[in-house]
Amino acid sequence: MKKMLFIAGLLCSQLIISQERPDPQPAPDNFEQFSVGMAGYTFVNFDLDKTLEIMEKCDVKYLCIKDFHLPLKSTDEEIAAFHAKLQSKGVTGYAVGPIYMRSKEEVDNAFEYAKRVGVKLIVGVPNYELLPYVDRKVKEYDFQYAIHLHGPDMPLYPDADDVWNNVKDLDARIGMCLDVGHDTRNGKDPVKDLEKYHTRVFDIHIKDVTGPTKAGYSVEIGRGIIDFPAFVNMLRKVGYSGVCSLEHERNMKDPFLGIAESIGYFRGVIAATKEVDN
């Protein structure tokens, strides 16, 4: 009798396993104009395989490519192999950078690199005096060029106001990568800056920080002072259609739990602030 009950139980469990199980719900950003991505710098201490493993686990599909994963002097064969590896994990490399540019030669190299990689967006940090030359290259290549702002830690482009003041009279394809953490640490409000400058915001780096000064430091999204519900609502208001890439800069030798927490929190905000149709 016990043997028959055991066999019946085993058959029942196999029947349950064989039935089709429902999949998880899609990530909430699938229903937005903007996407959630990953800034390559998050993985400065890890190779591409580990980067893609974590992105796959977090269901993140867009990567801003850093040169430690794909060097500027990569061959066409190496670039093709790189893209094939991304594709195997369902990931798209949507931009390159940030790339620092201190000479015309470095500007030339960056534009040629982006062309060979096959992207139309460069996240760059050019010296101020190179901006007229960047303007020429943008017209030549028909790329968008997003200047990465750096808060109070660098003299170059400390906040969104500074980027705007330096690009407003240049080609409209030159704008900014709005790093919400660095903007906040320079005493600015990234929600207001997104609203003011949205026509020139081509990329966004998301992170949280503990304070609106240089003393503030990077933490997991949701543990700092940035008003992410207001920021997500502003993304919708201005119709931002680019990528919001997590640039996680805490515990960078062991960032994985912080990455998952930050992506989960940001997506939770997206879901919680979505207006429900009646």
Protein backbone atom coordinates (compact mmCIF):
# COMPACT_ATOMS: atom_id res chain seq x y z
CA MET A 1 0.00 0.00 0.00
CA LYS A 2 2.79 2.39 0.91
CA LYS A 3 4.55 1.54 -2.34
CA MET A 4 1.41 2.34 -4.34
CA LEU A 5 1.00 5.68 -2.53
CA PHE A 6 4.64 6.53 -3.23
CA ILE A 7 4.22 5.74 -6.94
CA ALA A 8 1.00 7.77 -7.11
CA GLY A 9 2.71 10.72 -5.44
CA LEU A 10 5.65 10.48 -7.81
CA LEU A 11 3.36 10.45 -10.84
CA CYS A 12 1.43 13.43 -9.49
CA SER A 13 4.64 15.44 -8.96
CA GLN A 14 5.81 14.62 -12.48
CA LEU A 15 2.46 15.78 -13.85
CA ILE A 16 2.78 19.10 -12.04
CA ILE A 17 6.34 19.57 -13.30
CA SER A 18 5.30 18.79 -16.87
CA GLN A 19 2.55 21.43 -16.83
CA GLU A 20 3.48 24.82 -18.24
CA ARG A 21 4.35 27.24 -15.45
CA PRO A 22 3.67 30.98 -15.79
CA ASP A 23 6.68 33.21 -16.47
CA PRO A 24 7.61 36.21 -14.32
CA GLN A 25 6.04 39.53 -15.26
CA PRO A 26 8.10 41.66 -17.67
CA ALA A 27 10.26 44.37 -16.12
CA PRO A 28 8.16 47.55 -15.77
CA ASP A 29 10.51 49.57 -17.99
CA ASN A 30 9.32 47.44 -20.92
CA PHE A 31 6.21 49.63 -20.88
CA GLU A 32 8.04 52.98 -20.77
CA GLN A 33 9.65 55.15 -23.43
CA PHE A 34 12.95 54.91 -21.56
CA SER A 35 14.97 51.77 -20.82
CA VAL A 36 17.03 50.54 -17.88
CA GLY A 37 20.67 49.78 -18.64
CA MET A 38 24.09 49.38 -17.09
CA ALA A 39 27.07 51.71 -17.24
CA GLY A 40 30.13 49.62 -17.99
CA TYR A 41 32.15 51.40 -15.28
CA THR A 42 30.09 49.53 -12.69
CA PHE A 43 32.15 46.45 -13.62
CA VAL A 44 35.59 48.05 -13.73
CA ASN A 45 36.94 45.20 -11.57
CA PHE A 46 35.31 42.38 -13.56
CA ASP A 47 35.59 40.88 -17.02
CA LEU A 48 32.88 40.87 -19.66
CA ASP A 49 31.67 37.36 -18.79
CA LYS A 50 30.94 38.36 -15.19
CA THR A 51 29.35 41.60 -16.37
CA LEU A 52 26.95 39.75 -18.64
CA GLU A 53 26.21 37.14 -15.99
CA ILE A 54 25.03 39.82 -13.57
CA MET A 55 23.13 41.72 -16.24
CA GLU A 56 21.32 38.53 -17.21
CA LYS A 57 20.39 37.81 -13.58
CA CYS A 58 19.07 41.37 -13.22
CA ASP A 59 17.27 41.22 -16.59
CA VAL A 60 19.11 44.29 -17.91
CA LYS A 61 19.46 44.45 -21.69
CA TYR A 62 21.51 47.59 -22.45
CA LEU A 63 25.20 48.24 -21.81
CA CYS A 64 27.23 51.43 -22.18
CA ILE A 65 30.55 49.97 -23.34
CA LYS A 66 33.76 50.83 -21.51
CA ASP A 67 37.17 50.42 -23.09
CA PHE A 68 38.40 47.95 -20.45
CA HIS A 69 35.85 45.51 -21.92
CA LEU A 70 36.42 46.54 -25.54
CA PRO A 71 39.69 48.47 -26.04
CA LEU A 72 39.80 51.42 -28.43
CA LYS A 73 42.30 49.58 -30.62
CA SER A 74 40.18 46.44 -30.95
CA THR A 75 40.22 44.77 -34.35
CA ASP A 76 37.06 44.26 -36.41
CA GLU A 77 37.19 40.57 -35.47
CA GLU A 78 37.40 41.39 -31.76
CA ILE A 79 34.49 43.81 -32.07
CA ALA A 80 32.39 41.19 -33.85
CA ALA A 81 33.20 38.62 -31.15
CA PHE A 82 32.29 41.15 -28.47
CA HIS A 83 28.87 41.82 -30.01
CA ALA A 84 28.27 38.11 -30.47
CA LYS A 85 28.92 37.53 -26.78
CA LEU A 86 26.50 40.34 -25.84
CA GLN A 87 23.87 38.97 -28.20
CA SER A 88 24.15 35.51 -26.64
CA LYS A 89 22.92 37.09 -23.40
CA GLY A 90 20.30 39.31 -25.02
CA VAL A 91 22.32 42.46 -24.38
CA THR A 92 22.80 45.42 -26.73
CA GLY A 93 25.76 47.79 -26.52
CA TYR A 94 24.04 51.12 -27.05
CA ALA A 95 26.91 53.59 -26.53
CA VAL A 96 30.62 53.86 -25.74
CA GLY A 97 32.19 55.71 -22.86
CA PRO A 98 32.81 57.69 -20.88
CA ILE A 99 35.91 58.44 -22.93
CA TYR A 100 38.26 61.23 -21.80
CA MET A 101 39.61 63.40 -24.61
CA ARG A 102 42.50 65.78 -24.08
CA SER A 103 43.64 66.26 -27.68
CA LYS A 104 42.24 66.33 -31.21
CA GLU A 105 43.86 62.96 -31.81
CA GLU A 106 41.93 61.46 -28.89
CA VAL A 107 38.71 62.96 -30.26
CA ASP A 108 39.46 61.43 -33.67
CA ASN A 109 40.18 58.06 -32.08
CA ALA A 110 36.95 58.10 -30.09
CA PHE A 111 34.76 58.85 -33.10
CA GLU A 112 36.46 56.18 -35.21
CA TYR A 113 36.10 53.71 -32.35
CA ALA A 114 32.38 54.40 -32.04
CA LYS A 115 31.97 54.01 -35.79
CA ARG A 116 33.72 50.64 -35.81
CA VAL A 117 31.77 49.47 -32.76
CA GLY A 118 28.57 50.42 -34.56
CA VAL A 119 26.99 52.84 -32.08
CA LYS A 120 25.68 56.36 -32.66
CA LEU A 121 26.21 57.71 -29.14
CA ILE A 122 29.49 58.67 -27.49
CA VAL A 123 29.62 59.50 -23.79
CA GLY A 124 32.66 61.74 -23.58
CA VAL A 125 34.63 64.14 -21.42
CA PRO A 126 36.51 66.52 -23.75
CA ASN A 127 38.63 69.38 -22.52
CA TYR A 128 36.70 72.62 -22.88
CA GLU A 129 38.97 73.93 -25.63
CA LEU A 130 38.17 70.87 -27.75
CA LEU A 131 34.44 71.53 -27.94
CA PRO A 132 34.61 73.37 -31.30
CA TYR A 133 36.46 70.36 -32.72
CA VAL A 134 33.89 67.96 -31.22
CA ASP A 135 31.23 70.09 -32.90
CA ARG A 136 32.92 69.48 -36.27
CA LYS A 137 33.19 65.75 -35.68
CA VAL A 138 29.54 65.42 -34.67
CA LYS A 139 28.53 67.01 -37.96
CA GLU A 140 30.93 64.78 -39.89
CA TYR A 141 29.79 61.50 -38.29
CA ASP A 142 26.17 62.38 -37.45
CA PHE A 143 26.60 61.02 -33.91
CA GLN A 144 25.13 62.20 -30.64
CA TYR A 145 27.73 63.24 -28.09
CA ALA A 146 26.78 63.18 -24.40
CA ILE A 147 29.17 64.98 -22.05
CA HIS A 148 29.43 63.15 -18.73
CA LEU A 149 29.23 65.54 -15.78
CA HIS A 150 31.36 64.79 -12.74
CA GLY A 151 30.19 66.79 -9.73
CA PRO A 152 32.68 68.54 -7.43
CA ASP A 153 35.44 65.96 -7.90
CA MET A 154 36.71 67.35 -11.22
CA PRO A 155 37.04 70.85 -12.66
CA LEU A 156 35.53 69.64 -15.95
CA TYR A 157 31.73 69.73 -16.23
CA PRO A 158 30.73 69.66 -12.55
CA ASP A 159 26.98 69.75 -13.19
CA ALA A 160 24.23 70.05 -15.79
CA ASP A 161 24.31 73.85 -15.78
CA ASP A 162 27.98 73.84 -16.73
CA VAL A 163 27.44 71.37 -19.57
CA TRP A 164 24.49 73.37 -20.89
CA ASN A 165 26.37 76.67 -20.78
CA ASN A 166 29.19 75.12 -22.82
CA VAL A 167 27.08 73.32 -25.45
CA LYS A 168 23.95 75.45 -25.91
CA ASP A 169 25.43 77.26 -28.92
CA LEU A 170 26.91 74.12 -30.48
CA ASP A 171 25.31 71.51 -32.70
CA ALA A 172 22.10 70.15 -31.17
CA ARG A 173 23.60 66.64 -31.24
CA ILE A 174 26.01 67.67 -28.47
CA GLY A 175 24.39 67.34 -25.06
CA MET A 176 24.91 65.60 -21.76
CA CYS A 177 24.95 62.34 -19.90
CA LEU A 178 23.02 63.46 -16.81
CA ASP A 179 24.65 61.72 -13.86
CA VAL A 180 22.04 62.29 -11.17
CA GLY A 181 24.43 61.51 -8.32
CA HIS A 182 27.21 63.86 -9.40
CA ASP A 183 24.70 66.60 -10.21
CA THR A 184 23.25 66.27 -6.70
CA ARG A 185 26.69 66.33 -5.06
CA ASN A 186 27.33 69.68 -6.75
CA GLY A 187 24.26 71.12 -5.04
CA LYS A 188 21.90 70.75 -8.00
CA ASP A 189 18.49 69.13 -8.41
CA PRO A 190 18.58 66.47 -11.15
CA VAL A 191 14.77 66.49 -11.44
CA LYS A 192 14.75 70.20 -12.26
CA ASP A 193 17.81 69.86 -14.48
CA LEU A 194 16.18 67.07 -16.49
CA GLU A 195 13.17 69.31 -17.02
CA LYS A 196 15.30 72.31 -18.04
CA TYR A 197 17.73 70.53 -20.32
CA HIS A 198 15.83 67.47 -21.55
CA THR A 199 16.33 68.38 -25.22
CA ARG A 200 20.06 67.85 -24.68
CA VAL A 201 19.95 64.86 -22.32
CA PHE A 202 21.03 61.88 -24.44
CA ASP A 203 22.03 59.46 -21.67
CA ILE A 204 21.45 59.17 -17.92
CA HIS A 205 23.54 57.56 -15.20
CA ILE A 206 21.50 56.63 -12.14
CA LYS A 207 22.89 56.25 -8.64
CA ASP A 208 22.02 57.58 -5.20
CA VAL A 209 24.14 59.73 -2.88
CA THR A 210 24.09 60.59 0.80
CA GLY A 211 24.35 64.38 0.55
CA PRO A 212 24.23 67.43 -1.74
CA THR A 213 27.92 68.30 -1.26
CA LYS A 214 31.32 66.83 -2.04
CA ALA A 215 31.11 64.97 1.28
CA GLY A 216 28.15 62.97 -0.05
CA TYR A 217 29.02 59.55 -1.38
CA SER A 218 27.45 56.92 -3.58
CA VAL A 219 25.03 54.37 -2.12
CA GLU A 220 22.43 51.93 -3.38
CA ILE A 221 19.43 53.58 -5.01
CA GLY A 222 16.84 54.24 -2.34
CA ARG A 223 19.33 54.72 0.51
CA GLY A 224 20.28 58.29 -0.36
CA ILE A 225 18.59 61.65 -0.80
CA ILE A 226 17.59 61.68 -4.48
CA ASP A 227 13.84 61.82 -5.11
CA PHE A 228 13.56 58.94 -7.58
CA PRO A 229 9.74 58.94 -7.78
CA ALA A 230 9.89 62.57 -8.88
CA PHE A 231 12.72 61.77 -11.28
CA VAL A 232 10.85 58.89 -12.92
CA ASN A 233 7.76 61.05 -13.30
CA MET A 234 9.91 63.74 -14.93
CA LEU A 235 11.31 61.16 -17.37
CA ARG A 236 7.72 60.57 -18.46
CA LYS A 237 6.80 64.26 -18.52
CA VAL A 238 9.66 65.24 -20.85
CA GLY A 239 9.35 62.10 -22.97
CA TYR A 240 12.88 60.84 -22.39
CA SER A 241 13.46 57.88 -24.71
CA GLY A 242 17.06 56.99 -23.92
CA VAL A 243 18.61 54.68 -21.36
CA CYS A 244 18.87 55.12 -17.59
CA SER A 245 22.05 53.19 -16.83
CA LEU A 246 23.04 52.22 -13.32
CA GLU A 247 26.55 53.39 -12.50
CA HIS A 248 27.07 51.65 -9.19
CA GLU A 249 30.06 53.05 -7.30
CA ARG A 250 29.84 51.44 -3.88
CA ASN A 251 31.70 48.31 -2.73
CA MET A 252 33.07 48.03 -6.25
CA LYS A 253 35.11 44.91 -5.48
CA ASP A 254 31.88 43.17 -4.45
CA PRO A 255 29.02 45.19 -5.94
CA PHE A 256 26.55 42.47 -6.90
CA LEU A 257 24.00 42.74 -4.09
CA GLY A 258 24.08 46.53 -4.39
CA ILE A 259 23.51 46.31 -8.14
CA ALA A 260 20.50 44.02 -7.66
CA GLU A 261 19.11 46.22 -4.90
CA SER A 262 19.48 49.38 -6.99
CA ILE A 263 17.94 47.91 -10.14
CA GLY A 264 15.10 46.43 -8.10
CA TYR A 265 14.40 49.69 -6.30
CA PHE A 266 14.44 51.75 -9.49
CA ARG A 267 12.09 49.34 -11.22
CA GLY A 268 9.89 49.34 -8.14
CA VAL A 269 9.63 53.11 -8.41
CA ILE A 270 8.73 52.79 -12.10
CA ALA A 271 5.95 50.34 -11.25
CA ALA A 272 4.66 52.25 -8.20
CA THR A 273 4.46 55.61 -9.98
CA LYS A 274 2.78 54.29 -13.11
CA GLU A 275 -0.69 55.71 -13.53
CA VAL A 276 -3.32 53.00 -13.72
CA ASP A 277 -5.86 53.33 -16.52
CA ASN A 278 -9.41 53.24 -15.24
